[in-house]
Amino acid sequence: MANPFSPKVLRPWATPLTVATTLVTIVSGVILFFHLAPGLTRPAHEWIGMIMVLAVAAHMLMNWRAFTTYFKRPLGLTMISVGAVVTVASLFITPAPASSGGSPVAMVMGAMSGAEVRVLADLAHRDVTEVIAQLADQGVTATPDTTLGQLSGGDRGRQTALLQDILAR
């Protein structure tokens, strides 16, 4: 039986899987960076990222000798070291709270995310049972206490669409 970690076994799939997962991760990462998360963008980014771990590990095993030479070159060692430091720092550094300034639209949408369906119904001058029924017609299960953020699953595009439906009627 062939060694499962030999380049002969890894070569047919390690690099193509690395390229494929990198493509999905890059495109979905850019989309998420701009806070546009249509469809399955967020779960695809997260799950494909997990598959990418396997792909990169296999690719590194297949190219281990070439990989270790980067630790002998100043530029390679510096880039890898900076990546390691940024990774560790990102686990421990908490971003500063947002200032009171900024976009009023972003502040309103942030506040709306925590608003309960009963509050949104009041804002739209509608009965809460009517709003809940409308959401149910769209396949969305809600109670008067459910927040817009819970209904949208944190997806800003979905949050905007739901808010527009609730307020427009």
Protein backbone atom coordinates (compact mmCIF):
# COMPACT_ATOMS: atom_id res chain seq x y z
CA MET A 1 0.00 0.00 0.00
CA ALA A 2 1.28 3.44 -0.96
CA ASN A 3 2.24 5.96 1.69
CA PRO A 4 -0.76 8.36 1.93
CA PHE A 5 1.63 11.27 2.51
CA SER A 6 3.85 10.60 -0.49
CA PRO A 7 3.97 13.20 -3.25
CA LYS A 8 2.72 10.56 -5.70
CA VAL A 9 -0.52 10.19 -3.68
CA LEU A 10 -0.88 13.91 -2.85
CA ARG A 11 0.05 15.41 -6.23
CA PRO A 12 -3.19 14.65 -8.14
CA TRP A 13 -5.41 16.47 -5.64
CA ALA A 14 -3.45 18.66 -3.18
CA THR A 15 -2.58 21.58 -5.44
CA PRO A 16 -5.90 21.62 -7.40
CA LEU A 17 -7.83 21.56 -4.11
CA THR A 18 -5.63 24.34 -2.74
CA VAL A 19 -6.32 26.47 -5.82
CA ALA A 20 -10.07 25.77 -5.74
CA THR A 21 -10.48 26.52 -2.04
CA THR A 22 -8.31 29.63 -2.34
CA LEU A 23 -10.52 30.93 -5.16
CA VAL A 24 -13.73 30.48 -3.14
CA THR A 25 -12.14 31.93 0.01
CA ILE A 26 -10.78 34.99 -1.82
CA VAL A 27 -14.01 35.82 -3.64
CA SER A 28 -16.24 35.23 -0.61
CA GLY A 29 -13.78 37.12 1.63
CA VAL A 30 -13.91 40.18 -0.62
CA ILE A 31 -17.71 40.02 -0.69
CA LEU A 32 -17.85 39.75 3.11
CA PHE A 33 -15.33 42.58 3.48
CA PHE A 34 -17.77 44.89 1.71
CA HIS A 35 -20.65 43.60 3.89
CA LEU A 36 -22.54 42.11 0.96
CA ALA A 37 -23.35 38.54 1.97
CA PRO A 38 -25.76 37.16 -0.61
CA GLY A 39 -27.01 33.60 -0.41
CA LEU A 40 -24.57 31.14 1.06
CA THR A 41 -21.52 33.43 0.94
CA ARG A 42 -20.79 33.39 4.68
CA PRO A 43 -21.22 29.63 5.25
CA ALA A 44 -19.34 28.87 2.02
CA HIS A 45 -16.47 31.08 3.19
CA GLU A 46 -16.36 29.39 6.58
CA TRP A 47 -16.73 25.76 5.43
CA ILE A 48 -14.50 26.05 2.37
CA GLY A 49 -11.94 27.63 4.71
CA MET A 50 -11.99 24.43 6.76
CA ILE A 51 -11.43 22.35 3.62
CA MET A 52 -8.65 24.76 2.70
CA VAL A 53 -6.80 23.78 5.90
CA LEU A 54 -6.64 20.19 4.62
CA ALA A 55 -5.65 21.29 1.12
CA VAL A 56 -2.87 23.58 2.31
CA ALA A 57 -1.55 20.97 4.76
CA ALA A 58 -1.42 18.37 1.97
CA HIS A 59 0.21 20.88 -0.39
CA MET A 60 2.83 21.73 2.26
CA LEU A 61 3.56 18.05 2.89
CA MET A 62 3.96 17.45 -0.82
CA ASN A 63 6.36 20.41 -1.09
CA TRP A 64 7.95 20.17 2.36
CA ARG A 65 11.55 20.55 1.22
CA ALA A 66 10.78 23.65 -0.86
CA PHE A 67 8.64 25.05 1.97
CA THR A 68 11.42 24.77 4.56
CA THR A 69 13.79 26.77 2.35
CA TYR A 70 11.64 29.86 2.99
CA PHE A 71 12.82 29.79 6.61
CA LYS A 72 16.40 30.19 5.35
CA ARG A 73 15.67 33.30 3.28
CA PRO A 74 15.24 36.69 5.00
CA LEU A 75 12.23 37.76 2.95
CA GLY A 76 10.42 34.43 3.34
CA LEU A 77 11.19 34.23 7.04
CA THR A 78 10.04 37.84 7.56
CA MET A 79 6.74 37.31 5.72
CA ILE A 80 5.98 34.06 7.57
CA SER A 81 6.91 35.68 10.90
CA VAL A 82 4.70 38.72 10.27
CA GLY A 83 1.83 36.40 9.35
CA ALA A 84 2.31 34.46 12.59
CA VAL A 85 2.47 37.65 14.70
CA VAL A 86 -0.67 39.12 13.07
CA THR A 87 -2.51 35.83 13.61
CA VAL A 88 -1.62 35.69 17.31
CA ALA A 89 -2.27 39.42 17.81
CA SER A 90 -5.72 39.15 16.20
CA LEU A 91 -6.69 36.65 18.88
CA PHE A 92 -5.90 39.03 21.74
CA ILE A 93 -6.41 42.60 20.50
CA THR A 94 -9.93 43.94 20.88
CA PRO A 95 -10.96 46.69 18.46
CA ALA A 96 -11.79 50.08 19.94
CA PRO A 97 -15.50 50.79 20.25
CA ALA A 98 -16.97 52.65 17.31
CA SER A 99 -17.04 56.40 17.72
CA SER A 100 -20.31 58.22 18.06
CA GLY A 101 -19.70 59.71 14.63
CA GLY A 102 -20.05 57.92 11.35
CA SER A 103 -22.81 57.21 8.95
CA PRO A 104 -26.30 57.85 10.35
CA VAL A 105 -27.62 55.12 8.04
CA ALA A 106 -25.16 52.61 9.52
CA MET A 107 -26.17 53.69 13.04
CA VAL A 108 -29.89 53.32 12.24
CA MET A 109 -29.35 49.89 10.67
CA GLY A 110 -27.32 48.83 13.69
CA ALA A 111 -30.13 49.90 15.98
CA MET A 112 -32.72 48.21 13.78
CA SER A 113 -30.83 44.93 14.01
CA GLY A 114 -31.70 44.75 17.70
CA ALA A 115 -35.29 45.92 17.25
CA GLU A 116 -38.00 43.39 18.04
CA VAL A 117 -40.76 42.62 15.54
CA ARG A 118 -43.30 44.39 17.80
CA VAL A 119 -41.19 47.59 17.64
CA LEU A 120 -40.81 47.34 13.86
CA ALA A 121 -44.58 46.87 13.54
CA ASP A 122 -45.12 50.00 15.66
CA LEU A 123 -42.70 51.95 13.45
CA ALA A 124 -44.62 50.83 10.36
CA HIS A 125 -47.97 51.67 12.04
CA ARG A 126 -49.05 48.06 11.58
CA ASP A 127 -50.45 45.37 13.83
CA VAL A 128 -47.76 42.98 15.04
CA THR A 129 -49.87 39.92 14.12
CA GLU A 130 -50.14 41.25 10.56
CA VAL A 131 -46.35 41.62 10.35
CA ILE A 132 -45.80 38.13 11.79
CA ALA A 133 -48.28 36.70 9.26
CA GLN A 134 -46.52 38.51 6.42
CA LEU A 135 -43.18 37.10 7.54
CA ALA A 136 -44.71 33.61 7.79
CA ASP A 137 -45.91 33.95 4.18
CA GLN A 138 -42.24 34.50 3.28
CA GLY A 139 -41.20 31.39 5.22
CA VAL A 140 -39.83 33.38 8.16
CA THR A 141 -40.88 32.29 11.64
CA ALA A 142 -41.15 35.18 14.08
CA THR A 143 -42.66 36.12 17.41
CA PRO A 144 -43.21 39.64 18.75
CA ASP A 145 -39.93 39.28 20.69
CA THR A 146 -37.81 38.13 17.73
CA THR A 147 -35.26 40.74 16.64
CA LEU A 148 -34.53 41.75 13.07
CA GLY A 149 -30.97 40.49 13.57
CA GLN A 150 -32.29 37.07 14.57
CA LEU A 151 -34.63 36.97 11.56
CA SER A 152 -31.82 37.84 9.15
CA GLY A 153 -29.20 35.58 10.73
CA GLY A 154 -26.83 38.55 10.75
CA ASP A 155 -26.97 38.88 6.94
CA ARG A 156 -27.15 42.62 6.27
CA GLY A 157 -28.69 42.19 2.84
CA ARG A 158 -31.41 39.96 4.26
CA GLN A 159 -31.91 42.40 7.15
CA THR A 160 -32.43 45.27 4.70
CA ALA A 161 -34.88 43.24 2.59
CA LEU A 162 -36.93 42.20 5.63
CA LEU A 163 -36.98 45.74 7.00
CA GLN A 164 -38.07 47.10 3.65
CA ASP A 165 -40.91 44.55 3.45
CA ILE A 166 -42.08 45.33 6.99
CA LEU A 167 -41.96 49.11 6.63
CA ALA A 168 -43.22 49.38 3.04
CA ARG A 169 -46.67 47.89 3.67
